[in-house]
Amino acid sequence: MIVFDLRCPENHTFEAWFKDSSAYEEQLEAGLIQCPVCGSSDVKKALSPVAIKLSGRQGSEGESAHEALVRLLERAYEYIEENTVDVGTDFAKEALKMHYGVREPENIRGIATEEEEKVLKEEGVEFVKLPVVKKRGRSN
C-alpha cells in the first residue's frame, strides 16, 4: 500500500491510499479520484511532509543520527546547487518564461514571494519549495 497527499485546484488537500503507484495512475486517468470537499476530479499529488526515523545507533562513520541527517541534507543541497541555475529573485519570471516556451527549459532555483507563488500555481507552473538550511561553519 502507498499513501499520497492529493490537492485539487481549490487547494483542498487530502490523503488517499492505493495498492501501488500504478493503481493511483489508473484511478486518476479514469476520473475515480475526487476531492472530498468540492468533488473535483482534477487532482494532483501534493508535496508530502517527510519524516525520517533514525535509530540511536551510530552511523557508519561513528556519527550520531543527528549528524547523519545533517550530512544527508548537506549532500542534497550540494546536488541541487550543482544541478540547477540560481536565478535569484527572478525565479517566478524565469519559470513563467520556460512554461510558455519563451526560453529553453532548465533546472532553476531561486526566490519567490507568496504572491509570485500564487501566480505560478494559477498558471499551472509546477515547482517545489525547499527550506533554506544554514551550512555548518557559516554564520548566516
Protein backbone atom coordinates (compact mmCIF):
# COMPACT_ATOMS: atom_id res chain seq x y z
CA MET A 1 0.00 0.00 0.00
CA ILE A 2 1.06 3.57 -0.69
CA VAL A 3 -0.43 6.85 0.51
CA PHE A 4 -0.37 10.13 -1.38
CA ASP A 5 -1.34 13.63 -0.35
CA LEU A 6 -3.51 15.00 -3.15
CA ARG A 7 -4.69 18.53 -3.93
CA CYS A 8 -7.49 19.91 -6.09
CA PRO A 9 -7.49 23.29 -7.92
CA GLU A 10 -9.30 24.81 -4.91
CA ASN A 11 -6.24 23.91 -2.76
CA HIS A 12 -8.13 21.29 -0.73
CA THR A 13 -5.52 18.77 0.38
CA PHE A 14 -6.49 15.22 1.24
CA GLU A 15 -4.91 11.81 1.71
CA ALA A 16 -5.64 8.73 -0.40
CA TRP A 17 -4.36 5.15 -0.20
CA PHE A 18 -3.59 2.98 -3.23
CA LYS A 19 -2.36 -0.54 -3.87
CA ASP A 20 0.67 0.90 -5.66
CA SER A 21 1.71 3.87 -7.78
CA SER A 22 0.22 2.41 -10.97
CA ALA A 23 -3.16 1.94 -9.23
CA TYR A 24 -3.10 5.67 -8.46
CA GLU A 25 -2.34 6.49 -12.13
CA GLU A 26 -5.12 4.19 -13.37
CA GLN A 27 -7.72 5.63 -11.00
CA LEU A 28 -6.65 9.19 -11.80
CA GLU A 29 -6.92 8.55 -15.53
CA ALA A 30 -10.39 7.02 -15.07
CA GLY A 31 -11.55 10.06 -13.06
CA LEU A 32 -12.22 7.93 -9.99
CA ILE A 33 -10.32 10.13 -7.55
CA GLN A 34 -12.32 13.09 -6.27
CA CYS A 35 -11.74 15.83 -3.73
CA PRO A 36 -13.88 15.01 -0.69
CA VAL A 37 -14.58 18.71 -0.12
CA CYS A 38 -15.60 20.02 -3.57
CA GLY A 39 -15.89 16.83 -5.65
CA SER A 40 -13.34 17.91 -8.27
CA SER A 41 -11.63 15.03 -10.07
CA ASP A 42 -8.87 17.39 -11.27
CA VAL A 43 -6.41 16.34 -8.55
CA LYS A 44 -2.63 16.18 -8.42
CA LYS A 45 -0.10 14.82 -6.00
CA ALA A 46 0.87 17.36 -3.35
CA LEU A 47 4.27 17.58 -1.74
CA SER A 48 4.01 15.39 1.34
CA PRO A 49 5.69 16.12 4.63
CA VAL A 50 8.54 13.71 5.20
CA ALA A 51 9.61 12.21 8.47
CA ILE A 52 12.86 10.36 8.87
CA LYS A 53 13.21 7.94 11.74
CA LEU A 54 16.81 7.40 12.68
CA SER A 55 17.75 4.95 15.38
CA GLY A 56 20.01 5.99 18.21
CA ARG A 57 22.81 3.89 16.72
CA GLN A 58 26.00 5.42 15.44
CA GLY A 59 26.37 5.88 11.70
CA SER A 60 28.98 4.09 9.62
CA GLU A 61 31.49 6.86 10.31
CA GLY A 62 30.80 6.91 14.06
CA GLU A 63 28.42 9.86 13.71
CA SER A 64 25.18 10.34 15.62
CA ALA A 65 21.78 10.08 13.94
CA HIS A 66 21.53 13.88 14.00
CA GLU A 67 24.93 14.26 12.34
CA ALA A 68 23.97 11.67 9.70
CA LEU A 69 20.78 13.61 8.91
CA VAL A 70 22.65 16.92 8.67
CA ARG A 71 25.19 15.30 6.33
CA LEU A 72 22.37 13.88 4.19
CA LEU A 73 20.71 17.30 3.92
CA GLU A 74 24.03 18.93 3.03
CA ARG A 75 24.55 16.40 0.24
CA ALA A 76 21.03 17.06 -1.07
CA TYR A 77 21.66 20.82 -1.15
CA GLU A 78 25.03 20.30 -2.83
CA TYR A 79 23.29 18.25 -5.53
CA ILE A 80 20.68 20.96 -6.02
CA GLU A 81 23.34 23.68 -6.25
CA GLU A 82 25.39 21.66 -8.76
CA ASN A 83 22.41 20.76 -10.96
CA THR A 84 20.40 23.97 -11.07
CA VAL A 85 20.92 27.57 -12.16
CA ASP A 86 20.40 30.20 -9.47
CA VAL A 87 18.09 32.88 -10.90
CA GLY A 88 17.70 34.66 -7.55
CA THR A 89 14.64 36.86 -7.21
CA ASP A 90 13.74 36.32 -10.89
CA PHE A 91 12.52 32.77 -10.17
CA ALA A 92 8.85 33.38 -10.99
CA LYS A 93 9.66 35.40 -14.12
CA GLU A 94 12.08 32.77 -15.46
CA ALA A 95 9.76 29.86 -14.57
CA LEU A 96 6.91 31.53 -16.49
CA LYS A 97 9.17 32.13 -19.49
CA MET A 98 10.02 28.41 -19.59
CA HIS A 99 6.37 27.44 -19.04
CA TYR A 100 5.29 29.45 -22.08
CA GLY A 101 8.24 28.48 -24.29
CA VAL A 102 9.93 31.89 -24.31
CA ARG A 103 13.16 30.34 -23.06
CA GLU A 104 14.68 26.89 -23.09
CA PRO A 105 13.71 24.74 -20.10
CA GLU A 106 16.38 24.09 -17.49
CA ASN A 107 16.50 23.33 -13.79
CA ILE A 108 16.41 26.59 -11.87
CA ARG A 109 16.32 27.64 -8.24
CA GLY A 110 15.62 30.98 -6.66
CA ILE A 111 13.31 33.02 -4.50
CA ALA A 112 9.64 33.85 -5.00
CA THR A 113 7.23 35.89 -2.93
CA GLU A 114 3.91 34.43 -1.78
CA GLU A 115 2.16 36.46 -4.47
CA GLU A 116 4.52 35.13 -7.15
CA GLU A 117 3.94 31.56 -5.91
CA LYS A 118 0.20 32.14 -6.22
CA VAL A 119 0.62 33.33 -9.84
CA LEU A 120 2.79 30.30 -10.66
CA LYS A 121 0.12 27.96 -9.24
CA GLU A 122 -2.65 29.74 -11.15
CA GLU A 123 -0.65 29.44 -14.38
CA GLY A 124 -0.04 25.72 -13.79
CA VAL A 125 3.72 26.01 -13.25
CA GLU A 126 4.97 23.16 -11.08
CA PHE A 127 7.63 24.00 -8.50
CA VAL A 128 8.88 22.72 -5.17
CA LYS A 129 9.54 24.88 -2.15
CA LEU A 130 12.57 23.92 -0.09
CA PRO A 131 13.57 25.37 3.25
CA VAL A 132 16.87 27.19 3.43
CA VAL A 133 19.22 25.43 5.79
CA LYS A 134 22.33 27.05 7.22
CA LYS A 135 25.52 25.28 6.23
CA ARG A 136 27.74 24.15 9.07
CA GLY A 137 30.56 26.54 9.73
CA ARG A 138 28.66 29.54 8.32
CA SER A 139 27.27 32.30 10.50
CA ASN A 140 24.37 33.07 8.10
